[in-house]
Each structure stands twice: as structure tokens, then as C-alpha cells.
Amino acid sequence: MEHEAISIRYLEISPNILASFPRFTPPVPLYAFDEKVRQLKLLCRAEQRLTRKGREELEGLCEEGLLYLARADYKLYAAHLSKNLGLVLTEDHLSDMEVAEIFLLGLAGRLEEFYAQPIDATLEILRKDVSVLAEFVWAHPDRTRAFRFTIGGQHTLYLHSARVCLLGMALYAAVLGTGGDRRHLGDSAMAFLLHDIGMTALPEFVTDKDRPLFNQEKVRMREHPDIGVRILERLGMRNTVIETCAMQHHERMDGTGYPSRMRGDKIHPLARVCAVVDAFCAMTSERKHAGAKTIAAALAIVTQDPGFDPKISARLAAFLTD
């Protein structure tokens, strides 16, 4: 009972987690369980400089299972783990909210680094984090429900792309299943994450405008699928799944989309998932030119619009309301 009461407010730190912290400056406040009074006490504050003896004390407490952090500090903790995503696969005590926050921050951060410097080194780091997500979805398809916690909030290209990736993978698991080739699962995650890569080549006066676009600006905006495929080719990412998602995520089932006005089954299933999730995530985020819609209002739009695959829209609604 005592352990359960503690675990509600505090998270036990494993040796793997402690090893990921800077050696002498923990990124979060740490607490130790005092067995004499049967209570937790503050041991050190975030970024507090430790002596060698203090570090050894932390390691000893950790080995005994007596070192904790407050769940109220989970955003600080999530920000740290977002740079070490592989730990998500080994730490089974993380709450759903913590898992969602860690993946959101991690993928958005890596994507921002890659877009700022699109070279082999940053691409390889991005691929490693995407492979962690794919492995997580493969091993725990039921835990993708946690990705609902990423909906809403500030809209940036990086956060939006990460939200589309997470919600897209949740629907991928629900609609298309996680069986078959694990590599395809990783390709799909990368396709969701990079679907808007063409936006990086558009001028800021179009992408960051705080008012509705003029017709000429809309024309520029509608070029981003074609631009995205060209960027992928230039980067040597000749992957059919990734290219298709970048090209087709604005196509619509009734032929009203762009750039090719494709219809129905001619649109790749993954692009159909991306289309629904892309629109939903955009509407539920705070954008410069439009406030965030409620989840209910955004669902009403994607489920009633004939341009979206009704099976996927219905599955999204079920996923968010179950």
C-alpha cells in the first residue's frame, strides 16, 4: 500500500535512467526514500552540481530502489528522455501521458534538427528515433492510445508533423494492423513524419501568415507535395512509401484534392490515413490564422467530408471517443 501511494506521485528511477542523466547535474529534482520516517525527502534540485560523493550516493540509492522523481516534474523528465528515446522501450513504469509527451518532444526535436541541417548525420539520428517508435507500436499496439494526449497545443511544422506521425501510427495499428514486415512499419512512421517536408521550401510569408491566404499564395502552398518529393529525391530518400505519402496526403476520395485530383482507391491507403490525421491535427492546434477547434468539432468535419476515407475517419472517431 505504501509503495502504491508513492508511485501515484513519484516515479522510481532505474539505473538505466540515472545513467542517461548528466553525471553531476541531474536535469530534474531527485528524492530519496528515508526508511526511518517512511517518507520521501528532497535530495537535490534540478541542475544542482553534485560532488563525487553525492553522485555515488545517488547510484547507491538507485541500486536499492530508493531514488525517485516527482511525477509533477514529468515535463522536465519527458524533455530529457526525448533525447534518449530508446529508454522508452526499456522503462515499463512510464505513464501513458509521459510516453506520449516523450515521443512528441523527441520526434519534433529531431525533425527540427534534420530540417535545419539535412545531412546524413541528422538523418541517421532521425531514423533511429523513428525505429524506436516503430518498435514501440509493434510491441505495444494497445499503448498507442497514449498518443491521444498529444492532440492540441501550439502549431509548428515540427510539432504538427510529430502529432501526425503519432496519431497516424495509432490508426495504422488499428486500421492496417502491425503484422508483416517491421521495416514497412518504420517506413510508414517516417512517411507520416516527413509528409510535409515540402513546406520547408516555401517562403515564411506564406507558411506563417496570420490571415487567410490570397489565391496566389494558395497556389504556392499547393506546390508543397511536389516540392516534397523533389527534396526527398535530392536527399537520396528514394522510398516509395515515403514519397507517396508526401505526394498524396492532400488528395481526396471525391477528386477534390491536389496535386493530381486522384479519386478513391487510386489514393494509397497510407496517404488516406495521413490525409485524415493531417487535417484533424491542424484543426485542433493553435495556428496563427485560426484558433484550435474542439476535438468534437474537428471530428465532425473529417467524418462528414466526402473527401476523406469514411472507414479511416470513423476509426479515428472511435479511437478518440472509446
C-alpha atoms as a PDB file:
ATOM      1  CA  MET A   1       0.000   0.000   0.000  1.00  0.00           C
ATOM      2  CA  GLU A   2       2.861   2.364   0.881  1.00  0.00           C
ATOM      3  CA  HIS A   3       4.557   1.667  -2.456  1.00  0.00           C
ATOM      4  CA  GLU A   4       1.314   2.250  -4.361  1.00  0.00           C
ATOM      5  CA  ALA A   5       0.767   5.579  -2.596  1.00  0.00           C
ATOM      6  CA  ILE A   6       4.282   6.703  -3.515  1.00  0.00           C
ATOM      7  CA  SER A   7       4.011   5.569  -7.147  1.00  0.00           C
ATOM      8  CA  ILE A   8       0.961   7.788  -7.685  1.00  0.00           C
ATOM      9  CA  ARG A   9       3.018  10.942  -7.076  1.00  0.00           C
ATOM     10  CA  TYR A  10       6.561   9.740  -7.699  1.00  0.00           C
ATOM     11  CA  LEU A  11       8.459   7.682 -10.249  1.00  0.00           C
ATOM     12  CA  GLU A  12      11.231   5.317  -9.243  1.00  0.00           C
ATOM     13  CA  ILE A  13      14.420   5.963 -11.187  1.00  0.00           C
ATOM     14  CA  SER A  14      16.059   2.911 -12.724  1.00  0.00           C
ATOM     15  CA  PRO A  15      19.846   2.557 -13.165  1.00  0.00           C
ATOM     16  CA  ASN A  16      19.337   2.982 -16.947  1.00  0.00           C
ATOM     17  CA  ILE A  17      17.595   6.312 -16.433  1.00  0.00           C
ATOM     18  CA  LEU A  18      20.173   7.547 -13.944  1.00  0.00           C
ATOM     19  CA  ALA A  19      22.968   6.615 -16.346  1.00  0.00           C
ATOM     20  CA  SER A  20      21.339   8.806 -19.021  1.00  0.00           C
ATOM     21  CA  PHE A  21      21.481  11.895 -16.773  1.00  0.00           C
ATOM     22  CA  PRO A  22      24.488  14.240 -16.901  1.00  0.00           C
ATOM     23  CA  ARG A  23      26.818  12.723 -14.335  1.00  0.00           C
ATOM     24  CA  PHE A  24      26.961  15.587 -11.844  1.00  0.00           C
ATOM     25  CA  THR A  25      23.926  17.756 -12.758  1.00  0.00           C
ATOM     26  CA  PRO A  26      20.616  15.825 -12.778  1.00  0.00           C
ATOM     27  CA  PRO A  27      18.038  17.544 -15.031  1.00  0.00           C
ATOM     28  CA  VAL A  28      15.188  17.065 -12.527  1.00  0.00           C
ATOM     29  CA  PRO A  29      14.787  17.299  -8.740  1.00  0.00           C
ATOM     30  CA  LEU A  30      15.551  13.948  -7.118  1.00  0.00           C
ATOM     31  CA  TYR A  31      14.043  12.455  -3.975  1.00  0.00           C
ATOM     32  CA  ALA A  32      15.258   9.703  -1.660  1.00  0.00           C
ATOM     33  CA  PHE A  33      13.098   7.387   0.408  1.00  0.00           C
ATOM     34  CA  ASP A  34      14.024   7.713   4.081  1.00  0.00           C
ATOM     35  CA  GLU A  35      13.336   4.305   5.592  1.00  0.00           C
ATOM     36  CA  LYS A  36      13.457   5.652   9.145  1.00  0.00           C
ATOM     37  CA  VAL A  37      10.478   8.002   8.729  1.00  0.00           C
ATOM     38  CA  ARG A  38       8.977   6.119   5.727  1.00  0.00           C
ATOM     39  CA  GLN A  39       8.819   9.301   3.650  1.00  0.00           C
ATOM     40  CA  LEU A  40      10.462  10.830   0.612  1.00  0.00           C
ATOM     41  CA  LYS A  41      12.773  13.802   1.088  1.00  0.00           C
ATOM     42  CA  LEU A  42      14.317  16.161  -1.446  1.00  0.00           C
ATOM     43  CA  LEU A  43      17.873  15.059  -2.170  1.00  0.00           C
ATOM     44  CA  CYS A  44      18.948  17.562  -4.852  1.00  0.00           C
ATOM     45  CA  ARG A  45      17.382  20.193  -7.066  1.00  0.00           C
ATOM     46  CA  ALA A  46      17.361  20.256 -10.862  1.00  0.00           C
ATOM     47  CA  GLU A  47      20.760  21.164 -12.342  1.00  0.00           C
ATOM     48  CA  GLN A  48      22.290  21.220  -8.849  1.00  0.00           C
ATOM     49  CA  ARG A  49      26.003  20.475  -9.041  1.00  0.00           C
ATOM     50  CA  LEU A  50      26.875  17.264  -7.200  1.00  0.00           C
ATOM     51  CA  THR A  51      30.144  16.244  -5.638  1.00  0.00           C
ATOM     52  CA  ARG A  52      31.665  12.880  -6.488  1.00  0.00           C
ATOM     53  CA  LYS A  53      30.416  11.608  -3.136  1.00  0.00           C
ATOM     54  CA  GLY A  54      26.938  12.928  -3.904  1.00  0.00           C
ATOM     55  CA  ARG A  55      26.896  11.082  -7.225  1.00  0.00           C
ATOM     56  CA  GLU A  56      27.964   7.873  -5.513  1.00  0.00           C
ATOM     57  CA  GLU A  57      25.118   8.349  -3.025  1.00  0.00           C
ATOM     58  CA  LEU A  58      22.638   8.666  -5.910  1.00  0.00           C
ATOM     59  CA  GLU A  59      23.934   5.491  -7.517  1.00  0.00           C
ATOM     60  CA  GLY A  60      23.670   3.588  -4.234  1.00  0.00           C
ATOM     61  CA  LEU A  61      20.094   4.743  -3.597  1.00  0.00           C
ATOM     62  CA  CYS A  62      19.173   3.889  -7.184  1.00  0.00           C
ATOM     63  CA  GLU A  63      20.539   0.352  -6.879  1.00  0.00           C
ATOM     64  CA  GLU A  64      18.420  -0.099  -3.732  1.00  0.00           C
ATOM     65  CA  GLY A  65      15.286   1.204  -5.468  1.00  0.00           C
ATOM     66  CA  LEU A  66      15.102   4.255  -3.196  1.00  0.00           C
ATOM     67  CA  LEU A  67      15.636   7.078  -5.717  1.00  0.00           C
ATOM     68  CA  TYR A  68      12.601   8.929  -7.155  1.00  0.00           C
ATOM     69  CA  LEU A  69      11.454  11.941  -9.130  1.00  0.00           C
ATOM     70  CA  ALA A  70       8.100  13.688  -8.783  1.00  0.00           C
ATOM     71  CA  ARG A  71       5.553  12.912 -11.492  1.00  0.00           C
ATOM     72  CA  ALA A  72       4.649  16.611 -11.336  1.00  0.00           C
ATOM     73  CA  ASP A  73       8.039  17.201 -12.981  1.00  0.00           C
ATOM     74  CA  TYR A  74       7.225  14.855 -15.854  1.00  0.00           C
ATOM     75  CA  LYS A  75       7.614  17.612 -18.469  1.00  0.00           C
ATOM     76  CA  LEU A  76      11.243  18.109 -17.416  1.00  0.00           C
ATOM     77  CA  TYR A  77      11.698  14.353 -17.370  1.00  0.00           C
ATOM     78  CA  ALA A  78       9.999  13.961 -20.761  1.00  0.00           C
ATOM     79  CA  ALA A  79      12.226  16.645 -22.262  1.00  0.00           C
ATOM     80  CA  HIS A  80      15.281  14.700 -21.073  1.00  0.00           C
ATOM     81  CA  LEU A  81      14.048  11.318 -22.286  1.00  0.00           C
ATOM     82  CA  SER A  82      13.010  12.822 -25.620  1.00  0.00           C
ATOM     83  CA  LYS A  83      16.735  12.953 -26.399  1.00  0.00           C
ATOM     84  CA  ASN A  84      17.082   9.307 -25.364  1.00  0.00           C
ATOM     85  CA  LEU A  85      14.004   7.698 -26.937  1.00  0.00           C
ATOM     86  CA  GLY A  86      15.406   4.184 -26.734  1.00  0.00           C
ATOM     87  CA  LEU A  87      14.782   4.246 -22.983  1.00  0.00           C
ATOM     88  CA  VAL A  88      11.028   4.238 -23.654  1.00  0.00           C
ATOM     89  CA  LEU A  89      11.382   0.612 -24.745  1.00  0.00           C
ATOM     90  CA  THR A  90      13.074  -0.447 -21.504  1.00  0.00           C
ATOM     91  CA  GLU A  91      11.141   1.562 -18.918  1.00  0.00           C
ATOM     92  CA  ASP A  92       7.718  -0.044 -18.406  1.00  0.00           C
ATOM     93  CA  HIS A  93       6.728   2.178 -15.462  1.00  0.00           C
ATOM     94  CA  LEU A  94       6.135   5.282 -17.578  1.00  0.00           C
ATOM     95  CA  SER A  95       2.545   6.519 -17.640  1.00  0.00           C
ATOM     96  CA  ASP A  96       0.665   6.927 -20.923  1.00  0.00           C
ATOM     97  CA  MET A  97       0.896  10.712 -20.652  1.00  0.00           C
ATOM     98  CA  GLU A  98       4.648  10.520 -20.124  1.00  0.00           C
ATOM     99  CA  VAL A  99       5.124   8.186 -23.108  1.00  0.00           C
ATOM    100  CA  ALA A 100       3.099  10.483 -25.363  1.00  0.00           C
ATOM    101  CA  GLU A 101       4.979  13.601 -24.250  1.00  0.00           C
ATOM    102  CA  ILE A 102       8.368  11.924 -24.673  1.00  0.00           C
ATOM    103  CA  PHE A 103       7.623  10.770 -28.226  1.00  0.00           C
ATOM    104  CA  LEU A 104       6.116  14.134 -29.217  1.00  0.00           C
ATOM    105  CA  LEU A 105       9.071  16.157 -27.968  1.00  0.00           C
ATOM    106  CA  GLY A 106      11.609  13.660 -29.243  1.00  0.00           C
ATOM    107  CA  LEU A 107      10.310  13.400 -32.799  1.00  0.00           C
ATOM    108  CA  ALA A 108       9.626  17.143 -33.107  1.00  0.00           C
ATOM    109  CA  GLY A 109      13.114  17.961 -31.847  1.00  0.00           C
ATOM    110  CA  ARG A 110      14.876  15.517 -34.152  1.00  0.00           C
ATOM    111  CA  LEU A 111      12.832  16.700 -37.125  1.00  0.00           C
ATOM    112  CA  GLU A 112      13.722  20.322 -36.430  1.00  0.00           C
ATOM    113  CA  GLU A 113      17.418  19.393 -36.311  1.00  0.00           C
ATOM    114  CA  PHE A 114      17.121  17.466 -39.578  1.00  0.00           C
ATOM    115  CA  TYR A 115      15.271  20.224 -41.427  1.00  0.00           C
ATOM    116  CA  ALA A 116      17.792  22.802 -40.187  1.00  0.00           C
ATOM    117  CA  GLN A 117      20.718  20.672 -41.354  1.00  0.00           C
ATOM    118  CA  PRO A 118      19.549  17.943 -43.798  1.00  0.00           C
ATOM    119  CA  ILE A 119      22.692  15.821 -43.875  1.00  0.00           C
ATOM    120  CA  ASP A 120      23.416  12.121 -43.372  1.00  0.00           C
ATOM    121  CA  ALA A 121      24.283  12.560 -39.688  1.00  0.00           C
ATOM    122  CA  THR A 122      20.980  14.214 -38.697  1.00  0.00           C
ATOM    123  CA  LEU A 123      19.020  11.855 -40.939  1.00  0.00           C
ATOM    124  CA  GLU A 124      20.573   8.840 -39.234  1.00  0.00           C
ATOM    125  CA  ILE A 125      19.638  10.191 -35.793  1.00  0.00           C
ATOM    126  CA  LEU A 126      16.089  10.788 -37.018  1.00  0.00           C
ATOM    127  CA  ARG A 127      15.898   7.259 -38.428  1.00  0.00           C
ATOM    128  CA  LYS A 128      16.994   5.786 -35.091  1.00  0.00           C
ATOM    129  CA  ASP A 129      14.242   7.622 -33.221  1.00  0.00           C
ATOM    130  CA  VAL A 130      11.653   6.612 -35.825  1.00  0.00           C
ATOM    131  CA  SER A 131      12.768   2.996 -35.441  1.00  0.00           C
ATOM    132  CA  VAL A 132      12.152   3.288 -31.681  1.00  0.00           C
ATOM    133  CA  LEU A 133       8.600   4.454 -32.399  1.00  0.00           C
ATOM    134  CA  ALA A 134       8.058   1.614 -34.880  1.00  0.00           C
ATOM    135  CA  GLU A 135       9.316  -0.915 -32.334  1.00  0.00           C
ATOM    136  CA  PHE A 136       7.038   0.570 -29.670  1.00  0.00           C
ATOM    137  CA  VAL A 137       3.994   0.317 -31.950  1.00  0.00           C
ATOM    138  CA  TRP A 138       4.968  -3.238 -32.924  1.00  0.00           C
ATOM    139  CA  ALA A 139       5.433  -4.408 -29.340  1.00  0.00           C
ATOM    140  CA  HIS A 140       2.606  -2.411 -27.727  1.00  0.00           C
ATOM    141  CA  PRO A 141      -0.125  -1.597 -30.293  1.00  0.00           C
ATOM    142  CA  ASP A 142      -2.610  -1.189 -27.433  1.00  0.00           C
ATOM    143  CA  ARG A 143      -0.444   1.538 -25.848  1.00  0.00           C
ATOM    144  CA  THR A 144      -0.750   3.732 -28.938  1.00  0.00           C
ATOM    145  CA  ARG A 145      -3.912   5.004 -27.250  1.00  0.00           C
ATOM    146  CA  ALA A 146      -1.480   7.166 -25.276  1.00  0.00           C
ATOM    147  CA  PHE A 147      -0.895   9.237 -28.404  1.00  0.00           C
ATOM    148  CA  ARG A 148      -4.267  10.894 -27.867  1.00  0.00           C
ATOM    149  CA  PHE A 149      -2.522  13.017 -25.241  1.00  0.00           C
ATOM    150  CA  THR A 150      -0.543  14.799 -27.968  1.00  0.00           C
ATOM    151  CA  ILE A 151      -3.609  16.387 -29.589  1.00  0.00           C
ATOM    152  CA  GLY A 152      -3.848  20.176 -29.380  1.00  0.00           C
ATOM    153  CA  GLY A 153      -1.424  22.857 -28.336  1.00  0.00           C
ATOM    154  CA  GLN A 154       0.892  25.095 -30.312  1.00  0.00           C
ATOM    155  CA  HIS A 155       1.213  24.557 -34.044  1.00  0.00           C
ATOM    156  CA  THR A 156       4.669  24.447 -35.594  1.00  0.00           C
ATOM    157  CA  LEU A 157       5.777  22.420 -38.584  1.00  0.00           C
ATOM    158  CA  TYR A 158       7.748  20.120 -36.281  1.00  0.00           C
ATOM    159  CA  LEU A 159       5.075  19.603 -33.616  1.00  0.00           C
ATOM    160  CA  HIS A 160       2.374  19.167 -36.262  1.00  0.00           C
ATOM    161  CA  SER A 161       4.443  16.575 -38.135  1.00  0.00           C
ATOM    162  CA  ALA A 162       5.169  14.694 -34.904  1.00  0.00           C
ATOM    163  CA  ARG A 163       1.471  14.682 -33.956  1.00  0.00           C
ATOM    164  CA  VAL A 164       0.519  13.407 -37.412  1.00  0.00           C
ATOM    165  CA  CYS A 165       3.155  10.694 -37.089  1.00  0.00           C
ATOM    166  CA  LEU A 166       1.966   9.525 -33.655  1.00  0.00           C
ATOM    167  CA  LEU A 167      -1.764   9.632 -34.389  1.00  0.00           C
ATOM    168  CA  GLY A 168      -1.119   8.167 -37.842  1.00  0.00           C
ATOM    169  CA  MET A 169       0.751   5.216 -36.336  1.00  0.00           C
ATOM    170  CA  ALA A 170      -2.056   4.673 -33.850  1.00  0.00           C
ATOM    171  CA  LEU A 171      -4.546   4.467 -36.717  1.00  0.00           C
ATOM    172  CA  TYR A 172      -2.105   2.378 -38.743  1.00  0.00           C
ATOM    173  CA  ALA A 173      -2.140  -0.188 -35.932  1.00  0.00           C
ATOM    174  CA  ALA A 174      -5.939  -0.052 -35.706  1.00  0.00           C
ATOM    175  CA  VAL A 175      -6.852   0.015 -39.424  1.00  0.00           C
ATOM    176  CA  LEU A 176      -3.984  -1.677 -41.251  1.00  0.00           C
ATOM    177  CA  GLY A 177      -2.585  -3.822 -38.434  1.00  0.00           C
ATOM    178  CA  THR A 178       1.017  -4.277 -37.304  1.00  0.00           C
ATOM    179  CA  GLY A 179       1.618  -7.678 -38.863  1.00  0.00           C
ATOM    180  CA  GLY A 180       4.020  -8.332 -41.686  1.00  0.00           C
ATOM    181  CA  ASP A 181       7.290  -6.577 -42.329  1.00  0.00           C
ATOM    182  CA  ARG A 182       8.629  -4.491 -39.446  1.00  0.00           C
ATOM    183  CA  ARG A 183      10.607  -2.436 -41.917  1.00  0.00           C
ATOM    184  CA  HIS A 184       7.360  -1.340 -43.556  1.00  0.00           C
ATOM    185  CA  LEU A 185       6.178  -0.183 -40.138  1.00  0.00           C
ATOM    186  CA  GLY A 186       9.287   2.001 -39.837  1.00  0.00           C
ATOM    187  CA  ASP A 187       8.847   3.327 -43.381  1.00  0.00           C
ATOM    188  CA  SER A 188       5.265   4.237 -42.562  1.00  0.00           C
ATOM    189  CA  ALA A 189       6.293   6.152 -39.440  1.00  0.00           C
ATOM    190  CA  MET A 190       8.894   8.050 -41.464  1.00  0.00           C
ATOM    191  CA  ALA A 191       6.307   8.751 -44.167  1.00  0.00           C
ATOM    192  CA  PHE A 192       3.915  10.312 -41.647  1.00  0.00           C
ATOM    193  CA  LEU A 193       6.706  12.341 -40.070  1.00  0.00           C
ATOM    194  CA  LEU A 194       8.043  13.708 -43.387  1.00  0.00           C
ATOM    195  CA  HIS A 195       4.702  14.186 -45.149  1.00  0.00           C
ATOM    196  CA  ASP A 196       5.081  17.990 -45.041  1.00  0.00           C
ATOM    197  CA  ILE A 197       8.783  18.182 -45.900  1.00  0.00           C
ATOM    198  CA  GLY A 198       7.892  20.300 -48.924  1.00  0.00           C
ATOM    199  CA  MET A 199       6.756  23.079 -46.581  1.00  0.00           C
ATOM    200  CA  THR A 200      10.396  23.749 -45.694  1.00  0.00           C
ATOM    201  CA  ALA A 201      10.962  25.228 -49.167  1.00  0.00           C
ATOM    202  CA  LEU A 202       8.028  27.667 -49.043  1.00  0.00           C
ATOM    203  CA  PRO A 203       8.570  31.315 -48.008  1.00  0.00           C
ATOM    204  CA  GLU A 204       7.687  32.249 -44.425  1.00  0.00           C
ATOM    205  CA  PHE A 205       5.255  34.936 -45.580  1.00  0.00           C
ATOM    206  CA  VAL A 206       3.100  32.061 -46.868  1.00  0.00           C
ATOM    207  CA  THR A 207       3.624  29.392 -44.170  1.00  0.00           C
ATOM    208  CA  ASP A 208       3.483  31.787 -41.177  1.00  0.00           C
ATOM    209  CA  LYS A 209       0.754  34.143 -42.340  1.00  0.00           C
ATOM    210  CA  ASP A 210      -1.731  35.084 -39.611  1.00  0.00           C
ATOM    211  CA  ARG A 211      -4.567  35.743 -42.076  1.00  0.00           C
ATOM    212  CA  PRO A 212      -6.271  33.646 -44.784  1.00  0.00           C
ATOM    213  CA  LEU A 213      -4.108  33.163 -47.871  1.00  0.00           C
ATOM    214  CA  PHE A 214      -4.667  35.054 -51.101  1.00  0.00           C
ATOM    215  CA  ASN A 215      -5.288  32.972 -54.244  1.00  0.00           C
ATOM    216  CA  GLN A 216      -1.684  33.299 -55.431  1.00  0.00           C
ATOM    217  CA  GLU A 217      -0.434  32.219 -52.007  1.00  0.00           C
ATOM    218  CA  LYS A 218      -2.771  29.227 -52.073  1.00  0.00           C
ATOM    219  CA  VAL A 219      -1.226  28.220 -55.382  1.00  0.00           C
ATOM    220  CA  ARG A 220       2.228  28.353 -53.776  1.00  0.00           C
ATOM    221  CA  MET A 221       1.018  26.336 -50.803  1.00  0.00           C
ATOM    222  CA  ARG A 222      -0.397  23.652 -53.072  1.00  0.00           C
ATOM    223  CA  GLU A 223       3.030  23.123 -54.569  1.00  0.00           C
ATOM    224  CA  HIS A 224       4.440  21.586 -51.386  1.00  0.00           C
ATOM    225  CA  PRO A 225       3.620  17.927 -52.225  1.00  0.00           C
ATOM    226  CA  ASP A 226       5.599  18.116 -55.499  1.00  0.00           C
ATOM    227  CA  ILE A 227       8.364  20.059 -53.790  1.00  0.00           C
ATOM    228  CA  GLY A 228       8.477  17.484 -51.015  1.00  0.00           C
ATOM    229  CA  VAL A 229       9.079  14.604 -53.407  1.00  0.00           C
ATOM    230  CA  ARG A 230      11.863  16.524 -55.129  1.00  0.00           C
ATOM    231  CA  ILE A 231      13.515  17.220 -51.771  1.00  0.00           C
ATOM    232  CA  LEU A 232      13.303  13.534 -50.834  1.00  0.00           C
ATOM    233  CA  GLU A 233      14.915  12.586 -54.133  1.00  0.00           C
ATOM    234  CA  ARG A 234      17.665  15.143 -53.644  1.00  0.00           C
ATOM    235  CA  LEU A 235      18.360  13.715 -50.178  1.00  0.00           C
ATOM    236  CA  GLY A 236      18.586  10.213 -51.634  1.00  0.00           C
ATOM    237  CA  MET A 237      15.442   9.031 -49.816  1.00  0.00           C
ATOM    238  CA  ARG A 238      14.028   7.099 -52.751  1.00  0.00           C
ATOM    239  CA  ASN A 239      11.409   5.202 -50.775  1.00  0.00           C
ATOM    240  CA  THR A 240       8.033   4.558 -52.406  1.00  0.00           C
ATOM    241  CA  VAL A 241       6.040   4.696 -49.149  1.00  0.00           C
ATOM    242  CA  ILE A 242       7.597   7.979 -48.010  1.00  0.00           C
ATOM    243  CA  GLU A 243       7.345   9.610 -51.443  1.00  0.00           C
ATOM    244  CA  THR A 244       3.727   8.512 -51.884  1.00  0.00           C
ATOM    245  CA  CYS A 245       2.659   9.943 -48.534  1.00  0.00           C
ATOM    246  CA  ALA A 246       4.390  13.258 -49.289  1.00  0.00           C
ATOM    247  CA  MET A 247       2.733  13.453 -52.718  1.00  0.00           C
ATOM    248  CA  GLN A 248      -0.783  12.223 -51.912  1.00  0.00           C
ATOM    249  CA  HIS A 249      -1.686  13.442 -48.405  1.00  0.00           C
ATOM    250  CA  HIS A 250      -3.818  16.263 -49.876  1.00  0.00           C
ATOM    251  CA  GLU A 251      -5.623  14.057 -52.400  1.00  0.00           C
ATOM    252  CA  ARG A 252      -9.299  13.457 -51.614  1.00  0.00           C
ATOM    253  CA  MET A 253     -11.587  10.482 -52.177  1.00  0.00           C
ATOM    254  CA  ASP A 254     -14.049  12.568 -54.218  1.00  0.00           C
ATOM    255  CA  GLY A 255     -11.371  14.004 -56.518  1.00  0.00           C
ATOM    256  CA  THR A 256     -11.347  17.495 -54.993  1.00  0.00           C
ATOM    257  CA  GLY A 257      -7.793  17.291 -53.663  1.00  0.00           C
ATOM    258  CA  TYR A 258      -4.392  18.154 -55.083  1.00  0.00           C
ATOM    259  CA  PRO A 259      -1.970  17.968 -56.831  1.00  0.00           C
ATOM    260  CA  SER A 260      -3.417  15.263 -59.144  1.00  0.00           C
ATOM    261  CA  ARG A 261      -7.136  15.143 -58.253  1.00  0.00           C
ATOM    262  CA  MET A 262      -6.890  11.408 -57.597  1.00  0.00           C
ATOM    263  CA  ARG A 263     -10.010   9.521 -56.539  1.00  0.00           C
ATOM    264  CA  GLY A 264     -10.946   6.644 -54.259  1.00  0.00           C
ATOM    265  CA  ASP A 265      -8.743   3.557 -54.237  1.00  0.00           C
ATOM    266  CA  LYS A 266      -6.182   5.200 -56.509  1.00  0.00           C
ATOM    267  CA  ILE A 267      -5.001   7.029 -53.367  1.00  0.00           C
ATOM    268  CA  HIS A 268      -2.581   4.913 -51.337  1.00  0.00           C
ATOM    269  CA  PRO A 269      -4.104   3.618 -48.035  1.00  0.00           C
ATOM    270  CA  LEU A 270      -1.304   5.221 -46.004  1.00  0.00           C
ATOM    271  CA  ALA A 271      -1.889   8.576 -47.712  1.00  0.00           C
ATOM    272  CA  ARG A 272      -5.595   8.275 -46.879  1.00  0.00           C
ATOM    273  CA  VAL A 273      -4.723   7.793 -43.205  1.00  0.00           C
ATOM    274  CA  CYS A 274      -2.332  10.747 -43.402  1.00  0.00           C
ATOM    275  CA  ALA A 275      -4.974  12.935 -45.045  1.00  0.00           C
ATOM    276  CA  VAL A 276      -7.438  12.426 -42.200  1.00  0.00           C
ATOM    277  CA  VAL A 277      -4.882  12.818 -39.427  1.00  0.00           C
ATOM    278  CA  ASP A 278      -3.157  15.802 -41.064  1.00  0.00           C
ATOM    279  CA  ALA A 279      -6.431  17.723 -41.317  1.00  0.00           C
ATOM    280  CA  PHE A 280      -7.560  16.745 -37.816  1.00  0.00           C
ATOM    281  CA  CYS A 281      -4.242  17.671 -36.149  1.00  0.00           C
ATOM    282  CA  ALA A 282      -4.132  21.019 -37.962  1.00  0.00           C
ATOM    283  CA  MET A 283      -7.673  21.920 -36.910  1.00  0.00           C
ATOM    284  CA  THR A 284      -7.120  21.022 -33.242  1.00  0.00           C
ATOM    285  CA  SER A 285      -3.897  23.073 -32.935  1.00  0.00           C
ATOM    286  CA  GLU A 286      -3.472  26.799 -32.306  1.00  0.00           C
ATOM    287  CA  ARG A 287      -2.452  28.230 -35.680  1.00  0.00           C
ATOM    288  CA  LYS A 288      -1.624  31.866 -36.417  1.00  0.00           C
ATOM    289  CA  HIS A 289      -4.552  32.261 -38.789  1.00  0.00           C
ATOM    290  CA  ALA A 290      -7.082  30.113 -36.902  1.00  0.00           C
ATOM    291  CA  GLY A 291      -7.821  29.114 -33.338  1.00  0.00           C
ATOM    292  CA  ALA A 292      -7.983  25.475 -32.310  1.00  0.00           C
ATOM    293  CA  LYS A 293     -11.242  23.614 -32.874  1.00  0.00           C
ATOM    294  CA  THR A 294     -12.508  21.192 -30.258  1.00  0.00           C
ATOM    295  CA  ILE A 295     -11.923  17.501 -30.858  1.00  0.00           C
ATOM    296  CA  ALA A 296     -15.667  17.047 -31.402  1.00  0.00           C
ATOM    297  CA  ALA A 297     -15.844  19.847 -33.982  1.00  0.00           C
ATOM    298  CA  ALA A 298     -12.797  18.574 -35.886  1.00  0.00           C
ATOM    299  CA  LEU A 299     -14.153  15.012 -35.869  1.00  0.00           C
ATOM    300  CA  ALA A 300     -17.470  16.239 -37.231  1.00  0.00           C
ATOM    301  CA  ILE A 301     -15.655  17.805 -40.182  1.00  0.00           C
ATOM    302  CA  VAL A 302     -13.489  14.820 -41.117  1.00  0.00           C
ATOM    303  CA  THR A 303     -16.329  12.299 -40.690  1.00  0.00           C
ATOM    304  CA  GLN A 304     -18.806  14.306 -42.782  1.00  0.00           C
ATOM    305  CA  ASP A 305     -16.454  15.469 -45.544  1.00  0.00           C
ATOM    306  CA  PRO A 306     -16.744  13.094 -48.566  1.00  0.00           C
ATOM    307  CA  GLY A 307     -13.121  13.817 -49.386  1.00  0.00           C
ATOM    308  CA  PHE A 308     -11.882  11.666 -46.504  1.00  0.00           C
ATOM    309  CA  ASP A 309     -11.964   7.870 -46.372  1.00  0.00           C
ATOM    310  CA  PRO A 310     -15.055   7.147 -44.227  1.00  0.00           C
ATOM    311  CA  LYS A 311     -13.538   3.981 -42.748  1.00  0.00           C
ATOM    312  CA  ILE A 312     -10.493   5.856 -41.514  1.00  0.00           C
ATOM    313  CA  SER A 313     -12.498   8.854 -40.278  1.00  0.00           C
ATOM    314  CA  ALA A 314     -14.813   6.526 -38.366  1.00  0.00           C
ATOM    315  CA  ARG A 315     -11.846   4.694 -36.857  1.00  0.00           C
ATOM    316  CA  LEU A 316     -10.334   7.987 -35.742  1.00  0.00           C
ATOM    317  CA  ALA A 317     -13.619   8.947 -34.084  1.00  0.00           C
ATOM    318  CA  ALA A 318     -13.805   5.572 -32.330  1.00  0.00           C
ATOM    319  CA  PHE A 319     -10.165   5.813 -31.258  1.00  0.00           C
ATOM    320  CA  LEU A 320     -10.723   9.228 -29.669  1.00  0.00           C
ATOM    321  CA  THR A 321     -14.077   8.512 -28.026  1.00  0.00           C
ATOM    322  CA  ASP A 322     -13.682   4.920 -26.780  1.00  0.00           C
END
